[in-house]
Amino acid sequence: MAVPKRKMSRSNTRSRRAQWKSGLPTLTKCDRGHTTLPHTVCPECGRYDKRTVLDV
């Protein structure tokens, strides 16, 4: 297992951790124009991949 040879400085640690920031989720439109998260059922019309899977 890899073990660091020397202590990492605070500035190096913090600059590395600065890359962990989260971004905004990607939004898509269902076939009826509602905005949803990708690969999920539309909560407004209950459709997924141009099929109705939930009765809303």
N, C-alpha and C. Protein backbone atom coordinates (compact mmCIF):
# COMPACT_ATOMS: atom_id res chain seq x y z
N MET A 1 0.85 -1.18 0.00
CA MET A 1 0.00 0.00 0.00
C MET A 1 0.89 1.24 0.00
N ALA A 2 0.50 2.24 -0.77
CA ALA A 2 1.30 3.46 -0.88
C ALA A 2 1.16 4.30 0.38
N VAL A 3 2.31 4.77 0.88
CA VAL A 3 2.34 5.61 2.07
C VAL A 3 3.14 6.86 1.73
N PRO A 4 2.64 8.06 2.07
CA PRO A 4 3.38 9.28 1.75
C PRO A 4 4.72 9.32 2.49
N LYS A 5 5.74 9.79 1.79
CA LYS A 5 7.07 9.85 2.39
C LYS A 5 7.21 11.08 3.30
N ARG A 6 6.54 12.19 2.93
CA ARG A 6 6.63 13.41 3.70
C ARG A 6 5.23 13.99 3.96
N LYS A 7 5.16 14.82 4.99
CA LYS A 7 3.90 15.48 5.32
C LYS A 7 3.54 16.47 4.21
N MET A 8 2.26 16.48 3.84
CA MET A 8 1.80 17.42 2.82
C MET A 8 1.45 18.75 3.49
N SER A 9 1.92 19.86 2.91
CA SER A 9 1.70 21.17 3.52
C SER A 9 0.22 21.55 3.50
N ARG A 10 -0.14 22.52 4.31
CA ARG A 10 -1.53 22.97 4.37
C ARG A 10 -2.00 23.54 3.05
N SER A 11 -1.13 24.32 2.39
CA SER A 11 -1.56 24.92 1.13
C SER A 11 -1.78 23.86 0.05
N ASN A 12 -0.93 22.85 0.02
CA ASN A 12 -1.13 21.78 -0.95
C ASN A 12 -2.39 20.98 -0.64
N THR A 13 -2.63 20.72 0.63
CA THR A 13 -3.82 19.99 1.02
C THR A 13 -5.08 20.77 0.67
N ARG A 14 -5.08 22.05 0.98
CA ARG A 14 -6.27 22.87 0.73
C ARG A 14 -6.50 23.10 -0.75
N SER A 15 -5.42 23.24 -1.53
CA SER A 15 -5.62 23.42 -2.97
C SER A 15 -6.12 22.14 -3.61
N ARG A 16 -5.73 20.99 -3.09
CA ARG A 16 -6.25 19.73 -3.60
C ARG A 16 -7.73 19.58 -3.25
N ARG A 17 -8.08 19.92 -2.02
CA ARG A 17 -9.47 19.80 -1.59
C ARG A 17 -10.39 20.80 -2.27
N ALA A 18 -9.84 21.88 -2.79
CA ALA A 18 -10.66 22.89 -3.46
C ALA A 18 -11.31 22.32 -4.72
N GLN A 19 -10.77 21.22 -5.25
CA GLN A 19 -11.34 20.61 -6.45
C GLN A 19 -12.56 19.76 -6.14
N TRP A 20 -12.87 19.56 -4.86
CA TRP A 20 -13.98 18.70 -4.47
C TRP A 20 -15.34 19.38 -4.60
N LYS A 21 -15.36 20.65 -4.97
CA LYS A 21 -16.63 21.39 -4.97
C LYS A 21 -17.66 20.70 -5.86
N SER A 22 -18.88 20.76 -5.44
CA SER A 22 -19.94 20.12 -6.22
C SER A 22 -20.51 21.11 -7.22
N GLY A 23 -21.02 20.59 -8.29
CA GLY A 23 -21.61 21.43 -9.33
C GLY A 23 -23.12 21.31 -9.34
N LEU A 24 -23.74 22.09 -10.17
CA LEU A 24 -25.19 22.02 -10.30
C LEU A 24 -25.58 20.74 -11.03
N PRO A 25 -26.72 20.13 -10.67
CA PRO A 25 -27.14 18.93 -11.37
C PRO A 25 -27.56 19.24 -12.81
N THR A 26 -27.33 18.31 -13.70
CA THR A 26 -27.73 18.47 -15.09
C THR A 26 -29.23 18.22 -15.20
N LEU A 27 -29.92 19.11 -15.86
CA LEU A 27 -31.36 18.97 -16.04
C LEU A 27 -31.67 18.67 -17.50
N THR A 28 -32.68 17.85 -17.72
CA THR A 28 -33.13 17.53 -19.07
C THR A 28 -34.62 17.81 -19.16
N LYS A 29 -35.15 17.78 -20.36
CA LYS A 29 -36.59 17.98 -20.56
C LYS A 29 -37.21 16.67 -20.99
N CYS A 30 -38.36 16.34 -20.40
CA CYS A 30 -39.07 15.15 -20.85
C CYS A 30 -39.75 15.48 -22.18
N ASP A 31 -40.36 14.48 -22.80
CA ASP A 31 -40.93 14.70 -24.14
C ASP A 31 -42.12 15.66 -24.13
N ARG A 32 -42.65 15.98 -22.97
CA ARG A 32 -43.74 16.96 -22.88
C ARG A 32 -43.26 18.33 -22.42
N GLY A 33 -41.93 18.48 -22.22
CA GLY A 33 -41.37 19.80 -21.92
C GLY A 33 -41.13 20.10 -20.46
N HIS A 34 -41.39 19.16 -19.56
CA HIS A 34 -41.12 19.39 -18.14
C HIS A 34 -39.64 19.18 -17.86
N THR A 35 -39.09 19.94 -16.92
CA THR A 35 -37.67 19.82 -16.56
C THR A 35 -37.52 18.76 -15.48
N THR A 36 -36.62 17.78 -15.71
CA THR A 36 -36.39 16.69 -14.76
C THR A 36 -34.90 16.38 -14.68
N LEU A 37 -34.53 15.57 -13.70
CA LEU A 37 -33.19 15.03 -13.64
C LEU A 37 -33.07 13.91 -14.67
N PRO A 38 -31.88 13.68 -15.24
CA PRO A 38 -31.76 12.62 -16.23
C PRO A 38 -31.94 11.24 -15.59
N HIS A 39 -32.47 10.30 -16.36
CA HIS A 39 -32.69 8.91 -15.97
C HIS A 39 -33.64 8.78 -14.79
N THR A 40 -34.63 9.67 -14.69
CA THR A 40 -35.65 9.57 -13.64
C THR A 40 -37.01 9.78 -14.27
N VAL A 41 -38.04 9.31 -13.59
CA VAL A 41 -39.41 9.51 -14.04
C VAL A 41 -39.80 10.96 -13.81
N CYS A 42 -40.48 11.56 -14.77
CA CYS A 42 -40.93 12.95 -14.63
C CYS A 42 -41.99 13.01 -13.54
N PRO A 43 -41.80 13.83 -12.50
CA PRO A 43 -42.79 13.88 -11.42
C PRO A 43 -44.10 14.56 -11.83
N GLU A 44 -44.10 15.33 -12.91
CA GLU A 44 -45.31 16.05 -13.31
C GLU A 44 -46.22 15.21 -14.20
N CYS A 45 -45.63 14.46 -15.14
CA CYS A 45 -46.49 13.69 -16.05
C CYS A 45 -46.33 12.18 -15.87
N GLY A 46 -45.35 11.71 -15.09
CA GLY A 46 -45.19 10.29 -14.82
C GLY A 46 -44.64 9.49 -15.98
N ARG A 47 -43.92 10.15 -16.89
CA ARG A 47 -43.40 9.46 -18.07
C ARG A 47 -41.90 9.28 -17.97
N TYR A 48 -41.41 8.17 -18.59
CA TYR A 48 -39.98 7.90 -18.67
C TYR A 48 -39.72 7.25 -20.02
N ASP A 49 -38.78 7.80 -20.78
CA ASP A 49 -38.40 7.27 -22.08
C ASP A 49 -39.63 7.12 -22.99
N LYS A 50 -40.45 8.18 -23.03
CA LYS A 50 -41.64 8.26 -23.88
C LYS A 50 -42.68 7.20 -23.58
N ARG A 51 -42.69 6.70 -22.32
CA ARG A 51 -43.70 5.76 -21.88
C ARG A 51 -44.28 6.25 -20.56
N THR A 52 -45.54 6.02 -20.32
CA THR A 52 -46.15 6.36 -19.03
C THR A 52 -45.91 5.21 -18.07
N VAL A 53 -45.22 5.49 -16.96
CA VAL A 53 -44.93 4.46 -15.98
C VAL A 53 -45.60 4.73 -14.64
N LEU A 54 -46.06 5.96 -14.40
CA LEU A 54 -46.78 6.30 -13.18
C LEU A 54 -48.08 7.01 -13.54
N ASP A 55 -49.11 6.72 -12.78
CA ASP A 55 -50.36 7.45 -12.95
C ASP A 55 -50.34 8.66 -12.03
N VAL A 56 -50.35 9.84 -12.63
CA VAL A 56 -50.28 11.08 -11.85
C VAL A 56 -51.62 11.76 -11.90
